[in-house]
PDB file of N, CA and C in Angstrom:
ATOM      1  N   MET A   1     103.910 129.087 126.717  1.00  0.00           N
ATOM      2  CA  MET A   1     103.912 127.740 126.230  1.00  0.00           C
ATOM      3  C   MET A   1     104.397 126.839 127.362  1.00  0.00           C
ATOM      4  N   SER A   2     103.582 125.862 127.760  1.00  0.00           N
ATOM      5  CA  SER A   2     104.010 124.979 128.839  1.00  0.00           C
ATOM      6  C   SER A   2     105.091 124.041 128.320  1.00  0.00           C
ATOM      7  N   GLY A   3     105.993 123.642 129.189  1.00  0.00           N
ATOM      8  CA  GLY A   3     107.071 122.759 128.790  1.00  0.00           C
ATOM      9  C   GLY A   3     108.231 123.471 128.127  1.00  0.00           C
ATOM     10  N   ALA A   4     108.141 124.786 127.968  1.00  0.00           N
ATOM     11  CA  ALA A   4     109.225 125.528 127.336  1.00  0.00           C
ATOM     12  C   ALA A   4     110.388 125.639 128.318  1.00  0.00           C
ATOM     13  N   ARG A   5     111.574 125.655 127.781  1.00  0.00           N
ATOM     14  CA  ARG A   5     112.757 125.800 128.628  1.00  0.00           C
ATOM     15  C   ARG A   5     112.839 127.221 129.153  1.00  0.00           C
ATOM     16  N   LYS A   6     113.372 127.339 130.350  1.00  0.00           N
ATOM     17  CA  LYS A   6     113.596 128.668 130.913  1.00  0.00           C
ATOM     18  C   LYS A   6     114.809 129.280 130.234  1.00  0.00           C
ATOM     19  N   ARG A   7     114.750 130.564 130.064  1.00  0.00           N
ATOM     20  CA  ARG A   7     115.877 131.261 129.438  1.00  0.00           C
ATOM     21  C   ARG A   7     117.063 131.267 130.384  1.00  0.00           C
ATOM     22  N   THR A   8     118.196 130.880 129.852  1.00  0.00           N
ATOM     23  CA  THR A   8     119.417 130.881 130.651  1.00  0.00           C
ATOM     24  C   THR A   8     120.360 131.974 130.201  1.00  0.00           C
ATOM     25  N   GLY A   9     119.979 132.670 129.138  1.00  0.00           N
ATOM     26  CA  GLY A   9     120.851 133.701 128.612  1.00  0.00           C
ATOM     27  C   GLY A   9     121.834 133.160 127.591  1.00  0.00           C
ATOM     28  N   ARG A  10     121.885 131.832 127.458  1.00  0.00           N
ATOM     29  CA  ARG A  10     122.788 131.217 126.492  1.00  0.00           C
ATOM     30  C   ARG A  10     121.972 130.643 125.338  1.00  0.00           C
ATOM     31  N   PRO A  11     122.542 130.671 124.151  1.00  0.00           N
ATOM     32  CA  PRO A  11     121.843 130.049 123.015  1.00  0.00           C
ATOM     33  C   PRO A  11     121.684 128.545 123.253  1.00  0.00           C
ATOM     34  N   GLN A  12     120.597 128.001 122.707  1.00  0.00           N
ATOM     35  CA  GLN A  12     120.347 126.566 122.831  1.00  0.00           C
ATOM     36  C   GLN A  12     120.282 125.952 121.437  1.00  0.00           C
ATOM     37  N   ARG A  13     120.621 124.697 121.368  1.00  0.00           N
ATOM     38  CA  ARG A  13     120.577 123.991 120.086  1.00  0.00           C
ATOM     39  C   ARG A  13     119.124 123.776 119.667  1.00  0.00           C
ATOM     40  N   VAL A  14     118.839 124.042 118.399  1.00  0.00           N
ATOM     41  CA  VAL A  14     117.487 123.878 117.866  1.00  0.00           C
ATOM     42  C   VAL A  14     117.041 122.421 117.989  1.00  0.00           C
ATOM     43  N   GLY A  15     117.952 121.496 117.722  1.00  0.00           N
ATOM     44  CA  GLY A  15     117.608 120.075 117.811  1.00  0.00           C
ATOM     45  C   GLY A  15     117.094 119.698 119.187  1.00  0.00           C
ATOM     46  N   GLY A  16     117.725 120.239 120.221  1.00  0.00           N
ATOM     47  CA  GLY A  16     117.283 119.971 121.590  1.00  0.00           C
ATOM     48  C   GLY A  16     115.915 120.562 121.872  1.00  0.00           C
ATOM     49  N   LEU A  17     115.686 121.757 121.358  1.00  0.00           N
ATOM     50  CA  LEU A  17     114.384 122.394 121.542  1.00  0.00           C
ATOM     51  C   LEU A  17     113.277 121.621 120.832  1.00  0.00           C
ATOM     52  N   VAL A  18     113.561 121.167 119.605  1.00  0.00           N
ATOM     53  CA  VAL A  18     112.568 120.402 118.848  1.00  0.00           C
ATOM     54  C   VAL A  18     112.286 119.072 119.553  1.00  0.00           C
ATOM     55  N   THR A  19     113.326 118.399 120.005  1.00  0.00           N
ATOM     56  CA  THR A  19     113.149 117.134 120.721  1.00  0.00           C
ATOM     57  C   THR A  19     112.295 117.330 121.963  1.00  0.00           C
ATOM     58  N   ASP A  20     112.579 118.377 122.718  1.00  0.00           N
ATOM     59  CA  ASP A  20     111.785 118.671 123.916  1.00  0.00           C
ATOM     60  C   ASP A  20     110.335 118.949 123.557  1.00  0.00           C
ATOM     61  N   PHE A  21     110.121 119.735 122.504  1.00  0.00           N
ATOM     62  CA  PHE A  21     108.756 120.049 122.085  1.00  0.00           C
ATOM     63  C   PHE A  21     108.006 118.792 121.678  1.00  0.00           C
ATOM     64  N   LEU A  22     108.640 117.933 120.867  1.00  0.00           N
ATOM     65  CA  LEU A  22     107.975 116.705 120.429  1.00  0.00           C
ATOM     66  C   LEU A  22     107.628 115.807 121.607  1.00  0.00           C
ATOM     67  N   ALA A  23     108.526 115.726 122.581  1.00  0.00           N
ATOM     68  CA  ALA A  23     108.274 114.890 123.749  1.00  0.00           C
ATOM     69  C   ALA A  23     107.129 115.434 124.589  1.00  0.00           C
ATOM     70  N   THR A  24     107.111 116.737 124.831  1.00  0.00           N
ATOM     71  CA  THR A  24     106.073 117.314 125.692  1.00  0.00           C
ATOM     72  C   THR A  24     104.723 117.416 124.985  1.00  0.00           C
ATOM     73  N   SER A  25     104.731 117.482 123.662  1.00  0.00           N
ATOM     74  CA  SER A  25     103.468 117.603 122.925  1.00  0.00           C
ATOM     75  C   SER A  25     102.855 116.244 122.607  1.00  0.00           C
ATOM     76  N   GLY A  26     103.613 115.166 122.808  1.00  0.00           N
ATOM     77  CA  GLY A  26     103.114 113.844 122.481  1.00  0.00           C
ATOM     78  C   GLY A  26     103.267 113.475 121.016  1.00  0.00           C
ATOM     79  N   LEU A  27     103.972 114.292 120.253  1.00  0.00           N
ATOM     80  CA  LEU A  27     104.126 114.039 118.820  1.00  0.00           C
ATOM     81  C   LEU A  27     105.326 113.164 118.473  1.00  0.00           C
ATOM     82  N   ALA A  28     106.183 112.881 119.417  1.00  0.00           N
ATOM     83  CA  ALA A  28     107.399 112.119 119.119  1.00  0.00           C
ATOM     84  C   ALA A  28     107.076 110.749 118.539  1.00  0.00           C
ATOM     85  N   GLY A  29     106.076 110.083 119.089  1.00  0.00           N
ATOM     86  CA  GLY A  29     105.692 108.765 118.581  1.00  0.00           C
ATOM     87  C   GLY A  29     105.203 108.815 117.150  1.00  0.00           C
ATOM     88  N   ARG A  30     104.416 109.832 116.824  1.00  0.00           N
ATOM     89  CA  ARG A  30     103.897 109.976 115.455  1.00  0.00           C
ATOM     90  C   ARG A  30     105.024 110.267 114.472  1.00  0.00           C
ATOM     91  N   VAL A  31     105.981 111.088 114.888  1.00  0.00           N
ATOM     92  CA  VAL A  31     107.112 111.389 114.015  1.00  0.00           C
ATOM     93  C   VAL A  31     107.901 110.107 113.752  1.00  0.00           C
ATOM     94  N   GLY A  32     108.108 109.315 114.789  1.00  0.00           N
ATOM     95  CA  GLY A  32     108.802 108.038 114.621  1.00  0.00           C
ATOM     96  C   GLY A  32     108.042 107.105 113.695  1.00  0.00           C
ATOM     97  N   GLN A  33     106.737 107.058 113.871  1.00  0.00           N
ATOM     98  CA  GLN A  33     105.889 106.215 113.030  1.00  0.00           C
ATOM     99  C   GLN A  33     105.972 106.658 111.567  1.00  0.00           C
ATOM    100  N   ALA A  34     105.950 107.949 111.340  1.00  0.00           N
ATOM    101  CA  ALA A  34     106.021 108.483 109.974  1.00  0.00           C
ATOM    102  C   ALA A  34     107.385 108.266 109.334  1.00  0.00           C
ATOM    103  N   SER A  35     108.401 107.935 110.129  1.00  0.00           N
ATOM    104  CA  SER A  35     109.731 107.698 109.554  1.00  0.00           C
ATOM    105  C   SER A  35     109.750 106.475 108.646  1.00  0.00           C
ATOM    106  N   VAL A  36     108.682 105.686 108.684  1.00  0.00           N
ATOM    107  CA  VAL A  36     108.558 104.553 107.766  1.00  0.00           C
ATOM    108  C   VAL A  36     108.619 105.045 106.315  1.00  0.00           C
ATOM    109  N   ILE A  37     108.078 106.206 106.051  1.00  0.00           N
ATOM    110  CA  ILE A  37     107.999 106.702 104.674  1.00  0.00           C
ATOM    111  C   ILE A  37     109.394 106.932 104.071  1.00  0.00           C
ATOM    112  N   PRO A  38     110.281 107.703 104.695  1.00  0.00           N
ATOM    113  CA  PRO A  38     111.604 107.865 104.077  1.00  0.00           C
ATOM    114  C   PRO A  38     112.469 106.598 104.151  1.00  0.00           C
ATOM    115  N   GLU A  39     112.148 105.684 105.052  1.00  0.00           N
ATOM    116  CA  GLU A  39     112.926 104.448 105.207  1.00  0.00           C
ATOM    117  C   GLU A  39     112.350 103.290 104.392  1.00  0.00           C
ATOM    118  N   TRP A  40     111.287 103.535 103.639  1.00  0.00           N
ATOM    119  CA  TRP A  40     110.538 102.492 102.937  1.00  0.00           C
ATOM    120  C   TRP A  40     111.433 101.540 102.140  1.00  0.00           C
ATOM    121  N   ALA A  41     112.289 102.053 101.284  1.00  0.00           N
ATOM    122  CA  ALA A  41     113.126 101.198 100.429  1.00  0.00           C
ATOM    123  C   ALA A  41     114.024 100.287 101.265  1.00  0.00           C
ATOM    124  N   ALA A  42     114.591 100.807 102.325  1.00  0.00           N
ATOM    125  CA  ALA A  42     115.451  99.994 103.190  1.00  0.00           C
ATOM    126  C   ALA A  42     114.638  98.937 103.931  1.00  0.00           C
ATOM    127  N   LEU A  43     113.402  99.231 104.253  1.00  0.00           N
ATOM    128  CA  LEU A  43     112.558  98.301 105.004  1.00  0.00           C
ATOM    129  C   LEU A  43     112.006  97.170 104.144  1.00  0.00           C
ATOM    130  N   VAL A  44     111.639  97.470 102.895  1.00  0.00           N
ATOM    131  CA  VAL A  44     110.970  96.469 102.058  1.00  0.00           C
ATOM    132  C   VAL A  44     111.837  95.916 100.938  1.00  0.00           C
ATOM    133  N   GLY A  45     112.957  96.535 100.668  1.00  0.00           N
ATOM    134  CA  GLY A  45     113.832  96.070  99.590  1.00  0.00           C
ATOM    135  C   GLY A  45     113.560  96.802  98.287  1.00  0.00           C
ATOM    136  N   SER A  46     114.520  96.718  97.395  1.00  0.00           N
ATOM    137  CA  SER A  46     114.464  97.503  96.153  1.00  0.00           C
ATOM    138  C   SER A  46     113.370  97.045  95.198  1.00  0.00           C
ATOM    139  N   GLN A  47     113.082  95.741  95.141  1.00  0.00           N
ATOM    140  CA  GLN A  47     112.064  95.265  94.203  1.00  0.00           C
ATOM    141  C   GLN A  47     110.683  95.807  94.573  1.00  0.00           C
ATOM    142  N   ILE A  48     110.301  95.692  95.838  1.00  0.00           N
ATOM    143  CA  ILE A  48     108.998  96.206  96.278  1.00  0.00           C
ATOM    144  C   ILE A  48     108.987  97.724  96.223  1.00  0.00           C
ATOM    145  N   ALA A  49     110.071  98.353  96.635  1.00  0.00           N
ATOM    146  CA  ALA A  49     110.134  99.816  96.600  1.00  0.00           C
ATOM    147  C   ALA A  49     110.010 100.345  95.175  1.00  0.00           C
ATOM    148  N   GLY A  50     110.449  99.562  94.196  1.00  0.00           N
ATOM    149  CA  GLY A  50     110.381  99.984  92.809  1.00  0.00           C
ATOM    150  C   GLY A  50     108.971 100.039  92.241  1.00  0.00           C
ATOM    151  N   VAL A  51     108.034  99.341  92.876  1.00  0.00           N
ATOM    152  CA  VAL A  51     106.656  99.305  92.367  1.00  0.00           C
ATOM    153  C   VAL A  51     105.659  99.922  93.341  1.00  0.00           C
ATOM    154  N   THR A  52     106.180 100.542  94.391  1.00  0.00           N
ATOM    155  CA  THR A  52     105.309 101.136  95.412  1.00  0.00           C
ATOM    156  C   THR A  52     105.782 102.525  95.793  1.00  0.00           C
ATOM    157  N   THR A  53     104.866 103.281  96.380  1.00  0.00           N
ATOM    158  CA  THR A  53     105.189 104.591  96.940  1.00  0.00           C
ATOM    159  C   THR A  53     104.428 104.738  98.253  1.00  0.00           C
ATOM    160  N   PRO A  54     105.139 104.834  99.384  1.00  0.00           N
ATOM    161  CA  PRO A  54     104.427 105.066 100.643  1.00  0.00           C
ATOM    162  C   PRO A  54     103.860 106.482 100.627  1.00  0.00           C
ATOM    163  N   LEU A  55     102.613 106.620 101.020  1.00  0.00           N
ATOM    164  CA  LEU A  55     101.937 107.916 100.918  1.00  0.00           C
ATOM    165  C   LEU A  55     101.750 108.610 102.254  1.00  0.00           C
ATOM    166  N   SER A  56     101.221 107.899 103.234  1.00  0.00           N
ATOM    167  CA  SER A  56     100.973 108.517 104.542  1.00  0.00           C
ATOM    168  C   SER A  56     100.734 107.446 105.593  1.00  0.00           C
ATOM    169  N   VAL A  57     100.844 107.868 106.860  1.00  0.00           N
ATOM    170  CA  VAL A  57     100.542 106.999 107.989  1.00  0.00           C
ATOM    171  C   VAL A  57      99.546 107.743 108.864  1.00  0.00           C
ATOM    172  N   THR A  58      98.433 107.094 109.178  1.00  0.00           N
ATOM    173  CA  THR A  58      97.423 107.729 110.020  1.00  0.00           C
ATOM    174  C   THR A  58      97.759 107.522 111.491  1.00  0.00           C
ATOM    175  N   ALA A  59      97.107 108.272 112.351  1.00  0.00           N
ATOM    176  CA  ALA A  59      97.343 108.178 113.788  1.00  0.00           C
ATOM    177  C   ALA A  59      97.005 106.797 114.342  1.00  0.00           C
ATOM    178  N   ASP A  60      96.066 106.102 113.693  1.00  0.00           N
ATOM    179  CA  ASP A  60      95.709 104.765 114.186  1.00  0.00           C
ATOM    180  C   ASP A  60      96.645 103.673 113.658  1.00  0.00           C
ATOM    181  N   GLY A  61      97.686 104.053 112.914  1.00  0.00           N
ATOM    182  CA  GLY A  61      98.680 103.092 112.461  1.00  0.00           C
ATOM    183  C   GLY A  61      98.413 102.467 111.115  1.00  0.00           C
ATOM    184  N   THR A  62      97.628 103.110 110.280  1.00  0.00           N
ATOM    185  CA  THR A  62      97.380 102.616 108.930  1.00  0.00           C
ATOM    186  C   THR A  62      98.330 103.305 107.957  1.00  0.00           C
ATOM    187  N   LEU A  63      99.081 102.501 107.228  1.00  0.00           N
ATOM    188  CA  LEU A  63     100.010 103.007 106.216  1.00  0.00           C
ATOM    189  C   LEU A  63      99.345 102.883 104.856  1.00  0.00           C
ATOM    190  N   PHE A  64      99.257 103.978 104.118  1.00  0.00           N
ATOM    191  CA  PHE A  64      98.717 103.975 102.769  1.00  0.00           C
ATOM    192  C   PHE A  64      99.882 103.918 101.788  1.00  0.00           C
ATOM    193  N   VAL A  65      99.795 102.960 100.849  1.00  0.00           N
ATOM    194  CA  VAL A  65     100.875 102.745  99.892  1.00  0.00           C
ATOM    195  C   VAL A  65     100.294 102.652  98.489  1.00  0.00           C
ATOM    196  N   GLY A  66     100.832 103.456  97.572  1.00  0.00           N
ATOM    197  CA  GLY A  66     100.451 103.377  96.168  1.00  0.00           C
ATOM    198  C   GLY A  66     101.230 102.261  95.492  1.00  0.00           C
ATOM    199  N   VAL A  67     100.550 101.520  94.605  1.00  0.00           N
ATOM    200  CA  VAL A  67     101.135 100.374  93.910  1.00  0.00           C
ATOM    201  C   VAL A  67     100.933 100.569  92.404  1.00  0.00           C
ATOM    202  N   THR A  68     101.880 100.092  91.596  1.00  0.00           N
ATOM    203  CA  THR A  68     101.816 100.334  90.158  1.00  0.00           C
ATOM    204  C   THR A  68     100.712  99.557  89.443  1.00  0.00           C
ATOM    205  N   THR A  69     100.424  98.319  89.862  1.00  0.00           N
ATOM    206  CA  THR A  69      99.431  97.500  89.154  1.00  0.00           C
ATOM    207  C   THR A  69      98.577  96.697  90.135  1.00  0.00           C
ATOM    208  N   ASN A  70      97.436  96.212  89.642  1.00  0.00           N
ATOM    209  CA  ASN A  70      96.588  95.335  90.451  1.00  0.00           C
ATOM    210  C   ASN A  70      97.293  94.033  90.805  1.00  0.00           C
ATOM    211  N   ALA A  71      98.083  93.507  89.874  1.00  0.00           N
ATOM    212  CA  ALA A  71      98.814  92.269  90.138  1.00  0.00           C
ATOM    213  C   ALA A  71      99.773  92.440  91.318  1.00  0.00           C
ATOM    214  N   TRP A  72     100.502  93.542  91.329  1.00  0.00           N
ATOM    215  CA  TRP A  72     101.400  93.812  92.452  1.00  0.00           C
ATOM    216  C   TRP A  72     100.603  94.023  93.739  1.00  0.00           C
ATOM    217  N   MET A  73      99.471  94.683  93.650  1.00  0.00           N
ATOM    218  CA  MET A  73      98.656  94.915  94.838  1.00  0.00           C
ATOM    219  C   MET A  73      98.221  93.587  95.452  1.00  0.00           C
ATOM    220  N   THR A  74      97.826  92.635  94.617  1.00  0.00           N
ATOM    221  CA  THR A  74      97.438  91.312  95.104  1.00  0.00           C
ATOM    222  C   THR A  74      98.618  90.606  95.758  1.00  0.00           C
ATOM    223  N   GLU A  75      99.754  90.633  95.098  1.00  0.00           N
ATOM    224  CA  GLU A  75     100.961  89.991  95.635  1.00  0.00           C
ATOM    225  C   GLU A  75     101.362  90.608  96.979  1.00  0.00           C
ATOM    226  N   LEU A  76     101.352  91.926  97.041  1.00  0.00           N
ATOM    227  CA  LEU A  76     101.757  92.608  98.276  1.00  0.00           C
ATOM    228  C   LEU A  76     100.760  92.378  99.400  1.00  0.00           C
ATOM    229  N   SER A  77      99.500  92.232  99.077  1.00  0.00           N
ATOM    230  CA  SER A  77      98.501  91.923 100.097  1.00  0.00           C
ATOM    231  C   SER A  77      98.827  90.588 100.766  1.00  0.00           C
ATOM    232  N   LEU A  78      99.291  89.633  99.968  1.00  0.00           N
ATOM    233  CA  LEU A  78      99.678  88.331 100.513  1.00  0.00           C
ATOM    234  C   LEU A  78     100.945  88.424 101.362  1.00  0.00           C
ATOM    235  N   LEU A  79     101.813  89.367 101.027  1.00  0.00           N
ATOM    236  CA  LEU A  79     103.071  89.556 101.764  1.00  0.00           C
ATOM    237  C   LEU A  79     102.935  90.514 102.946  1.00  0.00           C
ATOM    238  N   GLU A  80     101.743  91.048 103.155  1.00  0.00           N
ATOM    239  CA  GLU A  80     101.561  92.083 104.179  1.00  0.00           C
ATOM    240  C   GLU A  80     102.062  91.683 105.571  1.00  0.00           C
ATOM    241  N   PRO A  81     101.812  90.460 106.061  1.00  0.00           N
ATOM    242  CA  PRO A  81     102.346  90.118 107.391  1.00  0.00           C
ATOM    243  C   PRO A  81     103.869  90.237 107.483  1.00  0.00           C
ATOM    244  N   GLN A  82     104.576  89.800 106.443  1.00  0.00           N
ATOM    245  CA  GLN A  82     106.036  89.907 106.448  1.00  0.00           C
ATOM    246  C   GLN A  82     106.488  91.358 106.342  1.00  0.00           C
ATOM    247  N   ILE A  83     105.782  92.151 105.549  1.00  0.00           N
ATOM    248  CA  ILE A  83     106.131  93.567 105.408  1.00  0.00           C
ATOM    249  C   ILE A  83     105.897  94.296 106.720  1.00  0.00           C
ATOM    250  N   LEU A  84     104.773  94.026 107.372  1.00  0.00           N
ATOM    251  CA  LEU A  84     104.504  94.656 108.673  1.00  0.00           C
ATOM    252  C   LEU A  84     105.568  94.262 109.698  1.00  0.00           C
ATOM    253  N   SER A  85     105.994  93.018 109.663  1.00  0.00           N
ATOM    254  CA  SER A  85     107.048  92.567 110.578  1.00  0.00           C
ATOM    255  C   SER A  85     108.343  93.347 110.348  1.00  0.00           C
ATOM    256  N   ALA A  86     108.701  93.548 109.082  1.00  0.00           N
ATOM    257  CA  ALA A  86     109.920  94.303 108.766  1.00  0.00           C
ATOM    258  C   ALA A  86     109.790  95.757 109.197  1.00  0.00           C
ATOM    259  N   ILE A  87     108.624  96.344 108.954  1.00  0.00           N
ATOM    260  CA  ILE A  87     108.401  97.744 109.308  1.00  0.00           C
ATOM    261  C   ILE A  87     108.450  97.938 110.817  1.00  0.00           C
ATOM    262  N   ASN A  88     107.903  96.987 111.562  1.00  0.00           N
ATOM    263  CA  ASN A  88     107.772  97.132 113.014  1.00  0.00           C
ATOM    264  C   ASN A  88     108.926  96.513 113.786  1.00  0.00           C
ATOM    265  N   ARG A  89     109.994  96.162 113.095  1.00  0.00           N
ATOM    266  CA  ARG A  89     111.156  95.576 113.761  1.00  0.00           C
ATOM    267  C   ARG A  89     111.772  96.539 114.777  1.00  0.00           C
ATOM    268  N   ASP A  90     111.699  97.843 114.508  1.00  0.00           N
ATOM    269  CA  ASP A  90     112.222  98.861 115.423  1.00  0.00           C
ATOM    270  C   ASP A  90     111.226  99.041 116.560  1.00  0.00           C
ATOM    271  N   ALA A  91     111.535  98.471 117.720  1.00  0.00           N
ATOM    272  CA  ALA A  91     110.615  98.486 118.855  1.00  0.00           C
ATOM    273  C   ALA A  91     110.394  99.895 119.409  1.00  0.00           C
ATOM    274  N   GLY A  92     111.264 100.824 119.102  1.00  0.00           N
ATOM    275  CA  GLY A  92     111.124 102.182 119.614  1.00  0.00           C
ATOM    276  C   GLY A  92     110.131 103.030 118.834  1.00  0.00           C
ATOM    277  N   ARG A  93     109.612 102.502 117.743  1.00  0.00           N
ATOM    278  CA  ARG A  93     108.707 103.257 116.886  1.00  0.00           C
ATOM    279  C   ARG A  93     107.277 102.779 117.131  1.00  0.00           C
ATOM    280  N   MET A  94     106.313 103.709 117.099  1.00  0.00           N
ATOM    281  CA  MET A  94     104.909 103.307 117.180  1.00  0.00           C
ATOM    282  C   MET A  94     104.626 102.365 116.015  1.00  0.00           C
ATOM    283  N   PRO A  95     103.922 101.267 116.252  1.00  0.00           N
ATOM    284  CA  PRO A  95     103.748 100.276 115.191  1.00  0.00           C
ATOM    285  C   PRO A  95     102.779 100.704 114.094  1.00  0.00           C
ATOM    286  N   VAL A  96     103.055 100.213 112.906  1.00  0.00           N
ATOM    287  CA  VAL A  96     102.107 100.290 111.803  1.00  0.00           C
ATOM    288  C   VAL A  96     101.260  99.033 111.930  1.00  0.00           C
ATOM    289  N   LYS A  97      99.949  99.195 111.999  1.00  0.00           N
ATOM    290  CA  LYS A  97      99.068  98.056 112.264  1.00  0.00           C
ATOM    291  C   LYS A  97      98.514  97.412 111.010  1.00  0.00           C
ATOM    292  N   LYS A  98      98.337  98.195 109.977  1.00  0.00           N
ATOM    293  CA  LYS A  98      97.828  97.637 108.726  1.00  0.00           C
ATOM    294  C   LYS A  98      98.284  98.500 107.560  1.00  0.00           C
ATOM    295  N   ILE A  99      98.227  97.896 106.391  1.00  0.00           N
ATOM    296  CA  ILE A  99      98.619  98.599 105.170  1.00  0.00           C
ATOM    297  C   ILE A  99      97.420  98.606 104.235  1.00  0.00           C
ATOM    298  N   ARG A 100      97.143  99.765 103.683  1.00  0.00           N
ATOM    299  CA  ARG A 100      96.098  99.908 102.670  1.00  0.00           C
ATOM    300  C   ARG A 100      96.786 100.144 101.340  1.00  0.00           C
ATOM    301  N   TRP A 101      96.664  99.167 100.457  1.00  0.00           N
ATOM    302  CA  TRP A 101      97.285  99.242  99.139  1.00  0.00           C
ATOM    303  C   TRP A 101      96.302  99.891  98.186  1.00  0.00           C
ATOM    304  N   GLN A 102      96.778 100.784  97.341  1.00  0.00           N
ATOM    305  CA  GLN A 102      95.919 101.418  96.343  1.00  0.00           C
ATOM    306  C   GLN A 102      96.688 101.593  95.046  1.00  0.00           C
ATOM    307  N   VAL A 103      96.008 101.253  93.955  1.00  0.00           N
ATOM    308  CA  VAL A 103      96.649 101.376  92.643  1.00  0.00           C
ATOM    309  C   VAL A 103      96.831 102.849  92.331  1.00  0.00           C
ATOM    310  N   ARG A 104      98.069 103.192  91.950  1.00  0.00           N
ATOM    311  CA  ARG A 104      98.367 104.583  91.566  1.00  0.00           C
ATOM    312  C   ARG A 104      97.723 104.876  90.226  1.00  0.00           C
ATOM    313  N   ARG A 105      97.198 106.037  90.098  1.00  0.00           N
ATOM    314  CA  ARG A 105      96.557 106.427  88.837  1.00  0.00           C
ATOM    315  C   ARG A 105      97.419 107.458  88.134  1.00  0.00           C
TER     316      ARG A 105
END
């Protein structure tokens, strides 16, 4: 495996190995981008989080979010620029470029 650490005979921390792997594989940015999902409530607030469920983030930066009703979907579509701004406030994370709202069934 390229990018693997050389054995030193001493145990290594798993966290360090995972960080190294993510950096060398190019996946670190995607992992950061996907962190929007567990951070959703903190990013959008409790009212929006109460009627939505973040589902996935694609490699091109599209966030899919389930919404409870069509009325909320319309409202959130209008708020999308502000929501994207809140989500992308962390400059160290790959940006979410658009949100696809879908009514949960």
